[in-house]
């Protein structure tokens, strides 16, 4: 879980700074992070599930911020 927290922090920092180059580089990585956290959330129970669910909500928010601040493809 600590590893995914660190990944989320990097993504959040890029989104907060609105660093388009960093966001562009983290785009594919963010999909990996989302899928890993989602899988952990689905396979967990009890307190672990609560923690993973919270992290899943957070990754969704961070990814939305990345999309708003990132380079526009159109």
N, C-alpha and C. Protein backbone atom coordinates (compact mmCIF):
# COMPACT_ATOMS: atom_id res chain seq x y z
N UNK A 1 0.83 -1.19 0.00
CA UNK A 1 0.00 0.00 0.00
C UNK A 1 0.87 1.25 0.00
N UNK A 2 1.98 1.20 0.70
CA UNK A 2 2.88 2.35 0.79
C UNK A 2 3.41 2.74 -0.59
N UNK A 3 3.69 1.75 -1.41
CA UNK A 3 4.19 2.00 -2.76
C UNK A 3 3.15 2.77 -3.58
N UNK A 4 1.90 2.35 -3.53
CA UNK A 4 0.84 3.02 -4.27
C UNK A 4 0.61 4.44 -3.74
N UNK A 5 0.76 4.63 -2.44
CA UNK A 5 0.63 5.97 -1.85
C UNK A 5 1.68 6.90 -2.46
N UNK A 6 2.88 6.41 -2.59
CA UNK A 6 3.95 7.22 -3.17
C UNK A 6 3.66 7.56 -4.62
N UNK A 7 3.15 6.59 -5.36
CA UNK A 7 2.80 6.85 -6.75
C UNK A 7 1.71 7.91 -6.84
N UNK A 8 0.72 7.80 -5.97
CA UNK A 8 -0.37 8.78 -5.95
C UNK A 8 0.15 10.17 -5.61
N UNK A 9 1.10 10.25 -4.69
CA UNK A 9 1.68 11.54 -4.32
C UNK A 9 2.37 12.19 -5.51
N UNK A 10 3.09 11.40 -6.30
CA UNK A 10 3.77 11.93 -7.49
C UNK A 10 2.75 12.45 -8.49
N UNK A 11 1.69 11.68 -8.70
CA UNK A 11 0.65 12.10 -9.63
C UNK A 11 -0.03 13.37 -9.14
N UNK A 12 -0.34 13.42 -7.85
CA UNK A 12 -1.00 14.59 -7.26
C UNK A 12 -0.11 15.83 -7.37
N UNK A 13 1.19 15.66 -7.16
CA UNK A 13 2.12 16.79 -7.24
C UNK A 13 2.15 17.35 -8.66
N UNK A 14 2.16 16.49 -9.65
CA UNK A 14 2.16 16.95 -11.04
C UNK A 14 0.87 17.69 -11.37
N UNK A 15 -0.25 17.15 -10.89
CA UNK A 15 -1.54 17.79 -11.16
C UNK A 15 -1.65 19.13 -10.45
N UNK A 16 -1.20 19.18 -9.21
CA UNK A 16 -1.27 20.43 -8.44
C UNK A 16 -0.40 21.51 -9.06
N UNK A 17 0.78 21.12 -9.55
CA UNK A 17 1.68 22.08 -10.18
C UNK A 17 1.24 22.43 -11.59
N UNK A 18 0.27 21.67 -12.12
CA UNK A 18 -0.22 21.85 -13.49
C UNK A 18 0.93 21.77 -14.49
N UNK A 19 1.85 20.85 -14.20
CA UNK A 19 3.02 20.64 -15.04
C UNK A 19 2.62 19.72 -16.20
N UNK A 20 2.37 20.32 -17.34
CA UNK A 20 1.84 19.57 -18.48
C UNK A 20 2.79 18.45 -18.93
N UNK A 21 4.08 18.70 -18.91
CA UNK A 21 5.03 17.67 -19.33
C UNK A 21 5.01 16.49 -18.36
N UNK A 22 5.02 16.75 -17.06
CA UNK A 22 4.97 15.68 -16.07
C UNK A 22 3.66 14.90 -16.18
N UNK A 23 2.57 15.61 -16.38
CA UNK A 23 1.26 14.95 -16.52
C UNK A 23 1.26 14.07 -17.76
N UNK A 24 1.83 14.56 -18.84
CA UNK A 24 1.91 13.78 -20.07
C UNK A 24 2.71 12.50 -19.84
N UNK A 25 3.82 12.62 -19.14
CA UNK A 25 4.67 11.45 -18.86
C UNK A 25 3.99 10.47 -17.90
N UNK A 26 3.18 10.98 -17.00
CA UNK A 26 2.51 10.13 -16.01
C UNK A 26 1.19 9.55 -16.51
N UNK A 27 0.76 9.91 -17.69
CA UNK A 27 -0.54 9.50 -18.19
C UNK A 27 -0.71 7.98 -18.19
N UNK A 28 0.16 7.27 -18.87
CA UNK A 28 0.06 5.80 -18.92
C UNK A 28 0.29 5.19 -17.55
N UNK A 29 1.19 5.76 -16.80
CA UNK A 29 1.48 5.28 -15.45
C UNK A 29 0.25 5.39 -14.56
N UNK A 30 -0.52 6.45 -14.73
CA UNK A 30 -1.71 6.63 -13.90
C UNK A 30 -2.73 5.53 -14.16
N UNK A 31 -2.81 5.05 -15.39
CA UNK A 31 -3.72 3.93 -15.69
C UNK A 31 -3.27 2.68 -14.95
N UNK A 32 -1.98 2.43 -14.92
CA UNK A 32 -1.44 1.28 -14.17
C UNK A 32 -1.79 1.41 -12.69
N UNK A 33 -1.57 2.59 -12.12
CA UNK A 33 -1.86 2.81 -10.70
C UNK A 33 -3.34 2.58 -10.42
N UNK A 34 -4.20 3.12 -11.26
CA UNK A 34 -5.64 2.94 -11.09
C UNK A 34 -6.02 1.46 -11.10
N UNK A 35 -5.53 0.73 -12.07
CA UNK A 35 -5.89 -0.68 -12.19
C UNK A 35 -5.37 -1.50 -11.01
N UNK A 36 -4.19 -1.20 -10.54
CA UNK A 36 -3.63 -1.91 -9.38
C UNK A 36 -4.46 -1.64 -8.13
N UNK A 37 -4.79 -0.38 -7.90
CA UNK A 37 -5.57 -0.03 -6.72
C UNK A 37 -6.97 -0.62 -6.82
N UNK A 38 -7.56 -0.57 -7.99
CA UNK A 38 -8.90 -1.14 -8.19
C UNK A 38 -8.87 -2.64 -7.90
N UNK A 39 -7.87 -3.34 -8.39
CA UNK A 39 -7.77 -4.78 -8.15
C UNK A 39 -7.60 -5.09 -6.67
N UNK A 40 -6.79 -4.30 -5.98
CA UNK A 40 -6.59 -4.51 -4.54
C UNK A 40 -7.88 -4.23 -3.79
N UNK A 41 -8.61 -3.22 -4.20
CA UNK A 41 -9.88 -2.88 -3.57
C UNK A 41 -10.89 -4.02 -3.72
N UNK A 42 -10.94 -4.59 -4.91
CA UNK A 42 -11.88 -5.68 -5.19
C UNK A 42 -11.53 -6.96 -4.44
N UNK A 43 -10.25 -7.20 -4.21
CA UNK A 43 -9.84 -8.46 -3.59
C UNK A 43 -9.64 -8.37 -2.08
N UNK A 44 -9.87 -7.21 -1.50
CA UNK A 44 -9.66 -7.01 -0.06
C UNK A 44 -10.96 -7.11 0.71
N UNK A 45 -10.80 -7.20 2.02
CA UNK A 45 -11.97 -7.17 2.90
C UNK A 45 -11.58 -6.49 4.21
N UNK A 46 -12.59 -6.14 4.97
CA UNK A 46 -12.36 -5.53 6.29
C UNK A 46 -11.68 -4.17 6.20
N UNK A 47 -10.74 -3.95 7.12
CA UNK A 47 -10.04 -2.67 7.19
C UNK A 47 -9.21 -2.41 5.95
N UNK A 48 -8.64 -3.47 5.39
CA UNK A 48 -7.86 -3.30 4.16
C UNK A 48 -8.74 -2.77 3.02
N UNK A 49 -9.94 -3.29 2.93
CA UNK A 49 -10.87 -2.84 1.88
C UNK A 49 -11.20 -1.36 2.05
N UNK A 50 -11.41 -0.95 3.28
CA UNK A 50 -11.71 0.47 3.54
C UNK A 50 -10.54 1.33 3.09
N UNK A 51 -9.33 0.91 3.40
CA UNK A 51 -8.14 1.68 3.01
C UNK A 51 -7.99 1.73 1.49
N UNK A 52 -8.15 0.58 0.83
CA UNK A 52 -8.02 0.54 -0.63
C UNK A 52 -9.13 1.33 -1.30
N UNK A 53 -10.34 1.26 -0.76
CA UNK A 53 -11.46 2.04 -1.33
C UNK A 53 -11.18 3.53 -1.23
N UNK A 54 -10.63 3.96 -0.11
CA UNK A 54 -10.27 5.37 0.04
C UNK A 54 -9.21 5.79 -0.96
N UNK A 55 -8.24 4.91 -1.18
CA UNK A 55 -7.19 5.21 -2.14
C UNK A 55 -7.76 5.22 -3.57
N UNK A 56 -8.73 4.36 -3.83
CA UNK A 56 -9.37 4.33 -5.15
C UNK A 56 -10.10 5.65 -5.42
N UNK A 57 -10.79 6.16 -4.42
CA UNK A 57 -11.46 7.46 -4.59
C UNK A 57 -10.44 8.55 -4.86
N UNK A 58 -9.33 8.48 -4.12
CA UNK A 58 -8.29 9.50 -4.27
C UNK A 58 -7.67 9.46 -5.67
N UNK A 59 -7.40 8.25 -6.18
CA UNK A 59 -6.79 8.16 -7.51
C UNK A 59 -7.74 8.69 -8.58
N UNK A 60 -9.02 8.50 -8.40
CA UNK A 60 -10.00 9.03 -9.35
C UNK A 60 -9.97 10.56 -9.36
N UNK A 61 -9.88 11.16 -8.18
CA UNK A 61 -9.83 12.62 -8.07
C UNK A 61 -8.54 13.15 -8.70
N UNK A 62 -7.43 12.50 -8.40
CA UNK A 62 -6.14 12.93 -8.94
C UNK A 62 -6.14 12.82 -10.47
N UNK A 63 -6.67 11.73 -10.99
CA UNK A 63 -6.70 11.56 -12.44
C UNK A 63 -7.59 12.62 -13.10
N UNK A 64 -8.68 12.98 -12.45
CA UNK A 64 -9.53 14.05 -12.99
C UNK A 64 -8.79 15.38 -13.02
N UNK A 65 -8.04 15.66 -11.96
CA UNK A 65 -7.24 16.89 -11.93
C UNK A 65 -6.16 16.87 -13.00
N UNK A 66 -5.56 15.70 -13.20
CA UNK A 66 -4.54 15.57 -14.25
C UNK A 66 -5.16 15.84 -15.62
N UNK A 67 -6.36 15.33 -15.85
CA UNK A 67 -7.02 15.54 -17.13
C UNK A 67 -7.34 17.01 -17.36
N UNK A 68 -7.74 17.71 -16.30
CA UNK A 68 -8.05 19.14 -16.43
C UNK A 68 -6.80 19.98 -16.66
N UNK A 69 -5.70 19.61 -16.02
CA UNK A 69 -4.49 20.42 -16.09
C UNK A 69 -3.55 19.98 -17.22
N UNK A 70 -3.78 18.80 -17.75
CA UNK A 70 -2.87 18.22 -18.73
C UNK A 70 -2.95 18.84 -20.10
N UNK A 71 -2.08 18.36 -20.96
CA UNK A 71 -2.07 18.89 -22.33
C UNK A 71 -3.38 18.51 -23.05
N UNK A 72 -3.88 19.44 -23.80
CA UNK A 72 -5.13 19.21 -24.53
C UNK A 72 -4.79 18.56 -25.87
N UNK A 73 -5.49 17.48 -26.17
CA UNK A 73 -5.21 16.79 -27.42
C UNK A 73 -6.00 17.35 -28.60
N UNK A 74 -6.96 18.18 -28.35
CA UNK A 74 -7.79 18.72 -29.44
C UNK A 74 -7.41 20.12 -29.75
